[in-house]
Amino acid sequence: MALRMWASSTANALRISTTNNIIAPSFSISRCFSTVIDGLKYASSHEWVKHEGSVATVGITDHAQDHLGEVVFVDLPDVGGAVSQGSSFGAVESVKATSDINCPISGEIVEVNTKLSETPGLINSSPYEDGWMIKVKPSSPSELESLMGSKEYTKFCEEEDSH
């Protein structure tokens, strides 16, 4: 009885009809979309890149981490290694799956986010800030032109999710 009263008062507060003991929303509910940051470039494999000066920072998008679920392990390369646009440089293991991480640009790895080995969940809580993965000195900065901007990436994700 107490649960029914709580549900009824909650439904009233949310303006949800509870006639015939069926909860039917009187408004449309849309899926919340993941955060997409202006000024970053995005790959169709759901990695982002932020190019500043001679260094580009790379990570996976909020959309990707949301689909992966809780990240429990990150496998990253060593500093000094080379990466090629579109090729795998590491992997992210979540409670759902293990996924390769592809580099959106070619270049030399100049820094790796070592915090991720101790706290892989930073990818979930802060994919664009604390959850970055590698920093690369681009060998072909023009490759950035082949990547999507924020509007294109948002549209890409919406279309991908609708299928």
N, C-alpha and C. Protein backbone atom coordinates (compact mmCIF):
# COMPACT_ATOMS: atom_id res chain seq x y z
N MET A 1 0.82 -1.19 0.00
CA MET A 1 0.00 0.00 0.00
C MET A 1 0.87 1.25 0.00
N ALA A 2 1.89 1.28 0.87
CA ALA A 2 2.78 2.44 0.93
C ALA A 2 3.50 2.64 -0.40
N LEU A 3 3.90 1.53 -1.03
CA LEU A 3 4.57 1.62 -2.33
C LEU A 3 3.64 2.21 -3.38
N ARG A 4 2.37 1.78 -3.37
CA ARG A 4 1.41 2.30 -4.34
C ARG A 4 1.19 3.80 -4.14
N MET A 5 1.12 4.24 -2.87
CA MET A 5 0.93 5.67 -2.58
C MET A 5 2.15 6.46 -3.04
N TRP A 6 3.36 5.91 -2.79
CA TRP A 6 4.58 6.58 -3.23
C TRP A 6 4.61 6.68 -4.76
N ALA A 7 4.25 5.58 -5.42
CA ALA A 7 4.25 5.57 -6.88
C ALA A 7 3.24 6.56 -7.42
N SER A 8 2.09 6.64 -6.80
CA SER A 8 1.06 7.58 -7.24
C SER A 8 1.51 9.02 -7.07
N SER A 9 2.11 9.35 -5.92
CA SER A 9 2.56 10.73 -5.70
C SER A 9 3.72 11.07 -6.61
N THR A 10 4.60 10.11 -6.87
CA THR A 10 5.70 10.33 -7.80
C THR A 10 5.17 10.54 -9.21
N ALA A 11 4.20 9.73 -9.61
CA ALA A 11 3.60 9.88 -10.94
C ALA A 11 2.94 11.24 -11.08
N ASN A 12 2.25 11.69 -10.04
CA ASN A 12 1.62 13.02 -10.08
C ASN A 12 2.67 14.10 -10.24
N ALA A 13 3.77 13.98 -9.50
CA ALA A 13 4.83 14.99 -9.57
C ALA A 13 5.45 15.03 -10.97
N LEU A 14 5.53 13.88 -11.61
CA LEU A 14 6.11 13.80 -12.95
C LEU A 14 5.07 13.98 -14.05
N ARG A 15 3.82 14.19 -13.64
CA ARG A 15 2.69 14.34 -14.58
C ARG A 15 2.53 13.11 -15.46
N ILE A 16 2.59 11.94 -14.82
CA ILE A 16 2.41 10.67 -15.52
C ILE A 16 1.05 10.11 -15.10
N SER A 17 0.26 9.68 -16.07
CA SER A 17 -1.05 9.12 -15.79
C SER A 17 -0.90 7.69 -15.28
N THR A 18 -1.69 7.33 -14.26
CA THR A 18 -1.64 5.97 -13.73
C THR A 18 -2.99 5.29 -13.82
N THR A 19 -3.81 5.67 -14.76
CA THR A 19 -5.12 5.06 -14.92
C THR A 19 -4.98 3.61 -15.32
N ASN A 20 -5.90 2.79 -14.86
CA ASN A 20 -5.92 1.35 -15.16
C ASN A 20 -4.64 0.65 -14.70
N ASN A 21 -4.00 1.21 -13.68
CA ASN A 21 -2.77 0.64 -13.12
C ASN A 21 -1.65 0.50 -14.15
N ILE A 22 -1.73 1.23 -15.23
CA ILE A 22 -0.69 1.23 -16.25
C ILE A 22 -0.06 2.61 -16.26
N ILE A 23 1.23 2.64 -16.12
CA ILE A 23 1.92 3.93 -16.14
C ILE A 23 2.21 4.27 -17.59
N ALA A 24 1.61 5.35 -18.05
CA ALA A 24 1.80 5.79 -19.43
C ALA A 24 2.25 7.25 -19.41
N PRO A 25 3.40 7.54 -19.95
CA PRO A 25 3.88 8.92 -19.91
C PRO A 25 3.00 9.84 -20.74
N SER A 26 2.80 11.06 -20.22
CA SER A 26 2.04 12.05 -20.96
C SER A 26 2.99 12.98 -21.71
N PHE A 27 4.23 12.54 -21.88
CA PHE A 27 5.25 13.29 -22.59
C PHE A 27 6.16 12.29 -23.25
N SER A 28 6.92 12.72 -24.23
CA SER A 28 7.82 11.79 -24.89
C SER A 28 9.16 11.75 -24.16
N ILE A 29 9.72 10.59 -24.09
CA ILE A 29 11.02 10.40 -23.46
C ILE A 29 12.01 10.06 -24.55
N SER A 30 13.05 10.87 -24.64
CA SER A 30 14.07 10.59 -25.64
C SER A 30 15.34 10.13 -24.93
N ARG A 31 16.10 9.30 -25.60
CA ARG A 31 17.34 8.79 -25.04
C ARG A 31 18.32 9.95 -24.91
N CYS A 32 18.94 10.06 -23.77
CA CYS A 32 19.95 11.10 -23.58
C CYS A 32 21.16 10.77 -24.44
N PHE A 33 21.64 11.75 -25.17
CA PHE A 33 22.79 11.53 -26.03
C PHE A 33 24.08 11.84 -25.29
N SER A 34 25.09 11.13 -25.60
CA SER A 34 26.40 11.31 -24.98
C SER A 34 26.98 12.68 -25.31
N THR A 35 27.93 13.10 -24.51
CA THR A 35 28.58 14.38 -24.69
C THR A 35 29.52 14.34 -25.89
N VAL A 36 29.42 15.38 -26.72
CA VAL A 36 30.32 15.57 -27.85
C VAL A 36 30.89 16.98 -27.68
N ILE A 37 32.20 17.12 -27.74
CA ILE A 37 32.88 18.38 -27.48
C ILE A 37 33.25 19.08 -28.79
N ASP A 38 32.87 20.36 -28.90
CA ASP A 38 33.30 21.16 -30.04
C ASP A 38 34.82 21.34 -29.98
N GLY A 39 35.45 21.40 -31.13
CA GLY A 39 36.89 21.62 -31.18
C GLY A 39 37.71 20.35 -31.24
N LEU A 40 37.07 19.20 -31.02
CA LEU A 40 37.76 17.92 -31.15
C LEU A 40 37.42 17.34 -32.51
N LYS A 41 38.23 16.38 -32.95
CA LYS A 41 37.95 15.63 -34.17
C LYS A 41 37.62 14.21 -33.76
N TYR A 42 36.76 13.55 -34.54
CA TYR A 42 36.24 12.24 -34.17
C TYR A 42 36.40 11.24 -35.32
N ALA A 43 36.76 10.01 -34.95
CA ALA A 43 36.87 8.93 -35.92
C ALA A 43 35.58 8.10 -35.88
N SER A 44 35.26 7.45 -36.98
CA SER A 44 34.06 6.62 -37.03
C SER A 44 34.17 5.41 -36.10
N SER A 45 35.36 5.11 -35.63
CA SER A 45 35.56 4.01 -34.67
C SER A 45 35.44 4.51 -33.22
N HIS A 46 34.98 5.76 -33.05
CA HIS A 46 34.64 6.38 -31.77
C HIS A 46 35.83 6.77 -30.89
N GLU A 47 36.91 7.21 -31.54
CA GLU A 47 38.01 7.84 -30.82
C GLU A 47 37.97 9.33 -31.12
N TRP A 48 38.49 10.11 -30.19
CA TRP A 48 38.57 11.56 -30.39
C TRP A 48 40.04 11.96 -30.40
N VAL A 49 40.31 13.11 -31.00
CA VAL A 49 41.66 13.66 -31.00
C VAL A 49 41.58 15.17 -30.81
N LYS A 50 42.47 15.67 -29.97
CA LYS A 50 42.57 17.11 -29.73
C LYS A 50 43.99 17.52 -30.11
N HIS A 51 44.11 18.31 -31.17
CA HIS A 51 45.42 18.71 -31.67
C HIS A 51 45.76 20.10 -31.13
N GLU A 52 46.85 20.17 -30.36
CA GLU A 52 47.32 21.43 -29.79
C GLU A 52 48.81 21.54 -30.04
N GLY A 53 49.20 22.52 -30.83
CA GLY A 53 50.61 22.70 -31.13
C GLY A 53 51.17 21.51 -31.87
N SER A 54 52.23 20.92 -31.32
CA SER A 54 52.88 19.78 -31.97
C SER A 54 52.42 18.44 -31.42
N VAL A 55 51.41 18.46 -30.54
CA VAL A 55 50.96 17.22 -29.90
C VAL A 55 49.45 17.05 -30.07
N ALA A 56 49.04 15.81 -30.26
CA ALA A 56 47.62 15.47 -30.35
C ALA A 56 47.28 14.47 -29.24
N THR A 57 46.25 14.76 -28.47
CA THR A 57 45.80 13.88 -27.41
C THR A 57 44.67 13.01 -27.96
N VAL A 58 44.68 11.72 -27.61
CA VAL A 58 43.73 10.75 -28.15
C VAL A 58 43.04 10.01 -27.00
N GLY A 59 41.75 9.74 -27.17
CA GLY A 59 40.99 8.94 -26.22
C GLY A 59 39.76 8.38 -26.90
N ILE A 60 38.92 7.67 -26.13
CA ILE A 60 37.67 7.19 -26.70
C ILE A 60 36.55 8.14 -26.28
N THR A 61 35.53 8.21 -27.10
CA THR A 61 34.45 9.16 -26.87
C THR A 61 33.53 8.74 -25.73
N ASP A 62 32.75 9.69 -25.28
CA ASP A 62 31.73 9.43 -24.27
C ASP A 62 30.74 8.40 -24.79
N HIS A 63 30.41 8.51 -26.06
CA HIS A 63 29.49 7.55 -26.69
C HIS A 63 30.05 6.12 -26.61
N ALA A 64 31.33 5.98 -26.89
CA ALA A 64 31.97 4.66 -26.85
C ALA A 64 32.00 4.10 -25.44
N GLN A 65 32.41 4.92 -24.46
CA GLN A 65 32.49 4.41 -23.10
C GLN A 65 31.11 4.05 -22.57
N ASP A 66 30.09 4.80 -23.00
CA ASP A 66 28.72 4.51 -22.58
C ASP A 66 28.28 3.14 -23.10
N HIS A 67 28.62 2.83 -24.35
CA HIS A 67 28.26 1.54 -24.92
C HIS A 67 29.08 0.39 -24.33
N LEU A 68 30.31 0.69 -23.95
CA LEU A 68 31.16 -0.35 -23.36
C LEU A 68 30.70 -0.75 -21.96
N GLY A 69 30.25 0.20 -21.20
CA GLY A 69 29.93 -0.06 -19.80
C GLY A 69 31.17 0.19 -18.95
N GLU A 70 31.15 -0.33 -17.75
CA GLU A 70 32.22 -0.08 -16.79
C GLU A 70 33.57 -0.62 -17.29
N VAL A 71 34.53 0.29 -17.48
CA VAL A 71 35.86 -0.11 -17.94
C VAL A 71 36.66 -0.64 -16.75
N VAL A 72 37.23 -1.85 -16.92
CA VAL A 72 37.96 -2.49 -15.83
C VAL A 72 39.45 -2.66 -16.10
N PHE A 73 39.86 -2.51 -17.36
CA PHE A 73 41.27 -2.67 -17.71
C PHE A 73 41.56 -1.94 -19.01
N VAL A 74 42.74 -1.33 -19.09
CA VAL A 74 43.17 -0.63 -20.30
C VAL A 74 44.58 -1.11 -20.65
N ASP A 75 44.77 -1.51 -21.90
CA ASP A 75 46.08 -1.93 -22.40
C ASP A 75 46.58 -0.85 -23.35
N LEU A 76 47.64 -0.15 -22.94
CA LEU A 76 48.17 0.95 -23.74
C LEU A 76 49.60 0.65 -24.19
N PRO A 77 50.05 1.27 -25.27
CA PRO A 77 51.39 1.02 -25.80
C PRO A 77 52.46 1.78 -25.00
N ASP A 78 53.70 1.55 -25.37
CA ASP A 78 54.82 2.24 -24.73
C ASP A 78 55.11 3.56 -25.44
N VAL A 79 55.67 4.50 -24.70
CA VAL A 79 56.13 5.75 -25.26
C VAL A 79 57.24 5.45 -26.26
N GLY A 80 57.25 6.18 -27.37
CA GLY A 80 58.27 6.00 -28.40
C GLY A 80 57.81 5.15 -29.56
N GLY A 81 56.72 4.42 -29.38
CA GLY A 81 56.20 3.60 -30.47
C GLY A 81 55.52 4.44 -31.53
N ALA A 82 55.32 3.83 -32.68
CA ALA A 82 54.65 4.52 -33.78
C ALA A 82 53.22 4.01 -33.91
N VAL A 83 52.32 4.90 -34.30
CA VAL A 83 50.93 4.53 -34.57
C VAL A 83 50.57 5.01 -35.97
N SER A 84 49.64 4.30 -36.59
CA SER A 84 49.16 4.66 -37.93
C SER A 84 47.67 4.93 -37.86
N GLN A 85 47.23 5.87 -38.67
CA GLN A 85 45.81 6.21 -38.69
C GLN A 85 44.98 4.97 -38.99
N GLY A 86 43.98 4.71 -38.13
CA GLY A 86 43.07 3.59 -38.33
C GLY A 86 43.55 2.27 -37.76
N SER A 87 44.81 2.20 -37.30
CA SER A 87 45.30 0.94 -36.76
C SER A 87 45.17 0.92 -35.24
N SER A 88 45.11 -0.28 -34.69
CA SER A 88 44.94 -0.47 -33.25
C SER A 88 46.22 -0.13 -32.50
N PHE A 89 46.06 0.56 -31.37
CA PHE A 89 47.22 0.84 -30.52
C PHE A 89 47.05 0.30 -29.11
N GLY A 90 45.89 -0.25 -28.80
CA GLY A 90 45.64 -0.78 -27.47
C GLY A 90 44.25 -1.36 -27.39
N ALA A 91 43.83 -1.65 -26.16
CA ALA A 91 42.50 -2.23 -25.96
C ALA A 91 41.90 -1.76 -24.65
N VAL A 92 40.57 -1.76 -24.62
CA VAL A 92 39.82 -1.41 -23.43
C VAL A 92 38.96 -2.62 -23.08
N GLU A 93 39.06 -3.08 -21.84
CA GLU A 93 38.24 -4.19 -21.38
C GLU A 93 37.20 -3.65 -20.43
N SER A 94 35.95 -3.99 -20.70
CA SER A 94 34.85 -3.56 -19.83
C SER A 94 34.14 -4.80 -19.31
N VAL A 95 33.13 -4.57 -18.50
CA VAL A 95 32.36 -5.70 -18.00
C VAL A 95 31.58 -6.38 -19.13
N LYS A 96 31.41 -5.70 -20.26
CA LYS A 96 30.66 -6.24 -21.39
C LYS A 96 31.55 -6.90 -22.44
N ALA A 97 32.71 -6.28 -22.73
CA ALA A 97 33.52 -6.75 -23.86
C ALA A 97 34.92 -6.16 -23.81
N THR A 98 35.79 -6.68 -24.68
CA THR A 98 37.10 -6.09 -24.90
C THR A 98 37.08 -5.51 -26.31
N SER A 99 37.52 -4.25 -26.42
CA SER A 99 37.50 -3.57 -27.71
C SER A 99 38.86 -2.97 -28.03
N ASP A 100 39.26 -3.08 -29.29
CA ASP A 100 40.48 -2.43 -29.75
C ASP A 100 40.27 -0.92 -29.77
N ILE A 101 41.35 -0.19 -29.57
CA ILE A 101 41.34 1.26 -29.70
C ILE A 101 42.16 1.58 -30.93
N ASN A 102 41.56 2.32 -31.87
CA ASN A 102 42.25 2.69 -33.10
C ASN A 102 42.72 4.13 -33.03
N CYS A 103 43.87 4.39 -33.61
CA CYS A 103 44.40 5.75 -33.58
C CYS A 103 43.84 6.56 -34.74
N PRO A 104 43.28 7.74 -34.44
CA PRO A 104 42.73 8.56 -35.52
C PRO A 104 43.78 9.27 -36.37
N ILE A 105 45.03 9.28 -35.91
CA ILE A 105 46.11 9.93 -36.66
C ILE A 105 47.40 9.11 -36.55
N SER A 106 48.29 9.33 -37.48
CA SER A 106 49.59 8.66 -37.47
C SER A 106 50.61 9.51 -36.74
N GLY A 107 51.59 8.86 -36.13
CA GLY A 107 52.66 9.61 -35.48
C GLY A 107 53.41 8.78 -34.45
N GLU A 108 54.18 9.48 -33.63
CA GLU A 108 54.98 8.86 -32.58
C GLU A 108 54.32 9.12 -31.23
N ILE A 109 54.21 8.09 -30.41
CA ILE A 109 53.63 8.23 -29.08
C ILE A 109 54.64 8.92 -28.18
N VAL A 110 54.25 10.08 -27.63
CA VAL A 110 55.16 10.85 -26.79
C VAL A 110 54.76 10.79 -25.31
N GLU A 111 53.55 10.34 -25.02
CA GLU A 111 53.12 10.21 -23.63
C GLU A 111 51.95 9.23 -23.56
N VAL A 112 51.88 8.50 -22.44
CA VAL A 112 50.80 7.55 -22.18
C VAL A 112 50.19 7.91 -20.83
N ASN A 113 48.88 7.84 -20.73
CA ASN A 113 48.20 8.15 -19.47
C ASN A 113 48.35 6.97 -18.51
N THR A 114 49.38 7.02 -17.68
CA THR A 114 49.67 5.92 -16.75
C THR A 114 48.62 5.80 -15.64
N LYS A 115 47.85 6.85 -15.41
CA LYS A 115 46.78 6.79 -14.39
C LYS A 115 45.76 5.71 -14.72
N LEU A 116 45.60 5.41 -16.01
CA LEU A 116 44.58 4.44 -16.43
C LEU A 116 44.90 3.02 -16.00
N SER A 117 46.18 2.72 -15.76
CA SER A 117 46.50 1.36 -15.30
C SER A 117 46.00 1.14 -13.88
N GLU A 118 46.00 2.16 -13.06
CA GLU A 118 45.50 2.07 -11.69
C GLU A 118 44.01 2.37 -11.59
N THR A 119 43.53 3.29 -12.44
CA THR A 119 42.14 3.74 -12.36
C THR A 119 41.52 3.76 -13.76
N PRO A 120 41.23 2.58 -14.33
CA PRO A 120 40.67 2.54 -15.69
C PRO A 120 39.29 3.20 -15.79
N GLY A 121 38.58 3.31 -14.67
CA GLY A 121 37.27 3.94 -14.67
C GLY A 121 37.28 5.42 -15.01
N LEU A 122 38.47 6.03 -15.07
CA LEU A 122 38.56 7.42 -15.51
C LEU A 122 38.00 7.58 -16.92
N ILE A 123 38.07 6.52 -17.71
CA ILE A 123 37.52 6.56 -19.07
C ILE A 123 36.00 6.75 -19.00
N ASN A 124 35.36 6.13 -18.01
CA ASN A 124 33.91 6.30 -17.85
C ASN A 124 33.55 7.66 -17.26
N SER A 125 34.26 8.06 -16.24
CA SER A 125 33.89 9.28 -15.51
C SER A 125 34.37 10.56 -16.20
N SER A 126 35.43 10.47 -17.00
CA SER A 126 35.99 11.67 -17.61
C SER A 126 36.69 11.35 -18.93
N PRO A 127 35.91 10.90 -19.94
CA PRO A 127 36.54 10.44 -21.18
C PRO A 127 37.33 11.51 -21.93
N TYR A 128 36.97 12.79 -21.77
CA TYR A 128 37.65 13.85 -22.51
C TYR A 128 38.71 14.59 -21.69
N GLU A 129 38.77 14.34 -20.41
CA GLU A 129 39.72 15.04 -19.55
C GLU A 129 40.72 14.05 -18.96
N ASP A 130 40.39 13.47 -17.83
CA ASP A 130 41.30 12.56 -17.12
C ASP A 130 41.46 11.20 -17.80
N GLY A 131 40.50 10.84 -18.66
CA GLY A 131 40.52 9.52 -19.30
C GLY A 131 41.20 9.47 -20.65
N TRP A 132 41.98 10.51 -21.01
CA TRP A 132 42.72 10.45 -22.27
C TRP A 132 43.67 9.26 -22.25
N MET A 133 44.10 8.78 -23.40
CA MET A 133 44.91 7.57 -23.46
C MET A 133 46.36 7.80 -23.86
N ILE A 134 46.56 8.43 -25.01
CA ILE A 134 47.93 8.68 -25.47
C ILE A 134 48.04 10.09 -26.04
N LYS A 135 49.28 10.56 -26.08
CA LYS A 135 49.60 11.80 -26.78
C LYS A 135 50.56 11.44 -27.90
N VAL A 136 50.29 12.00 -29.05
CA VAL A 136 51.02 11.65 -30.27
C VAL A 136 51.59 12.90 -30.91
N LYS A 137 52.82 12.77 -31.42
CA LYS A 137 53.39 13.81 -32.27
C LYS A 137 53.02 13.41 -33.70
N PRO A 138 52.03 14.12 -34.30
CA PRO A 138 51.54 13.70 -35.62
C PRO A 138 52.61 13.75 -36.71
N SER A 139 52.64 12.71 -37.54
CA SER A 139 53.55 12.70 -38.69
C SER A 139 52.87 13.26 -39.92
N SER A 140 51.53 13.25 -39.93
CA SER A 140 50.75 13.80 -41.05
C SER A 140 49.56 14.57 -40.49
N PRO A 141 49.79 15.80 -40.03
CA PRO A 141 48.69 16.58 -39.46
C PRO A 141 47.48 16.73 -40.40
N SER A 142 47.71 16.61 -41.70
CA SER A 142 46.61 16.73 -42.67
C SER A 142 45.58 15.60 -42.49
N GLU A 143 45.95 14.51 -41.82
CA GLU A 143 45.01 13.42 -41.57
C GLU A 143 43.81 13.90 -40.74
N LEU A 144 44.01 14.95 -39.95
CA LEU A 144 42.92 15.48 -39.13
C LEU A 144 41.74 15.92 -39.99
N GLU A 145 42.02 16.35 -41.22
CA GLU A 145 40.97 16.82 -42.13
C GLU A 145 40.00 15.71 -42.52
N SER A 146 40.43 14.46 -42.44
CA SER A 146 39.56 13.34 -42.81
C SER A 146 38.63 12.92 -41.66
N LEU A 147 38.82 13.51 -40.48
CA LEU A 147 38.00 13.16 -39.32
C LEU A 147 36.77 14.05 -39.23
N MET A 148 35.79 13.62 -38.43
CA MET A 148 34.54 14.37 -38.28
C MET A 148 34.66 15.45 -37.21
N GLY A 149 33.92 16.54 -37.41
CA GLY A 149 33.75 17.55 -36.38
C GLY A 149 32.63 17.12 -35.45
N SER A 150 32.31 17.94 -34.46
CA SER A 150 31.31 17.56 -33.46
C SER A 150 29.92 17.35 -34.06
N LYS A 151 29.51 18.20 -34.98
CA LYS A 151 28.17 18.05 -35.57
C LYS A 151 28.08 16.78 -36.41
N GLU A 152 29.12 16.53 -37.20
CA GLU A 152 29.13 15.32 -38.03
C GLU A 152 29.15 14.06 -37.17
N TYR A 153 29.92 14.10 -36.09
CA TYR A 153 30.00 12.92 -35.21
C TYR A 153 28.67 12.68 -34.49
N THR A 154 28.03 13.74 -34.05
CA THR A 154 26.72 13.60 -33.40
C THR A 154 25.73 12.94 -34.35
N LYS A 155 25.70 13.42 -35.59
CA LYS A 155 24.79 12.84 -36.59
C LYS A 155 25.16 11.38 -36.86
N PHE A 156 26.45 11.10 -36.97
CA PHE A 156 26.92 9.73 -37.20
C PHE A 156 26.43 8.80 -36.09
N CYS A 157 26.55 9.22 -34.83
CA CYS A 157 26.14 8.38 -33.70
C CYS A 157 24.63 8.18 -33.68
N GLU A 158 23.89 9.24 -33.98
CA GLU A 158 22.43 9.13 -34.01
C GLU A 158 21.99 8.12 -35.08
N GLU A 159 22.62 8.19 -36.25
CA GLU A 159 22.29 7.25 -37.33
C GLU A 159 22.70 5.83 -36.96
N GLU A 160 23.87 5.69 -36.35
CA GLU A 160 24.35 4.36 -35.95
C GLU A 160 23.43 3.75 -34.90
N ASP A 161 23.00 4.55 -33.94
CA ASP A 161 22.13 4.04 -32.87
C ASP A 161 20.72 3.72 -33.36
N SER A 162 20.30 4.35 -34.45
CA SER A 162 18.95 4.08 -34.95
C SER A 162 18.87 2.74 -35.69
N HIS A 163 20.00 2.18 -36.03
CA HIS A 163 20.00 0.89 -36.76
C HIS A 163 20.01 -0.25 -35.85
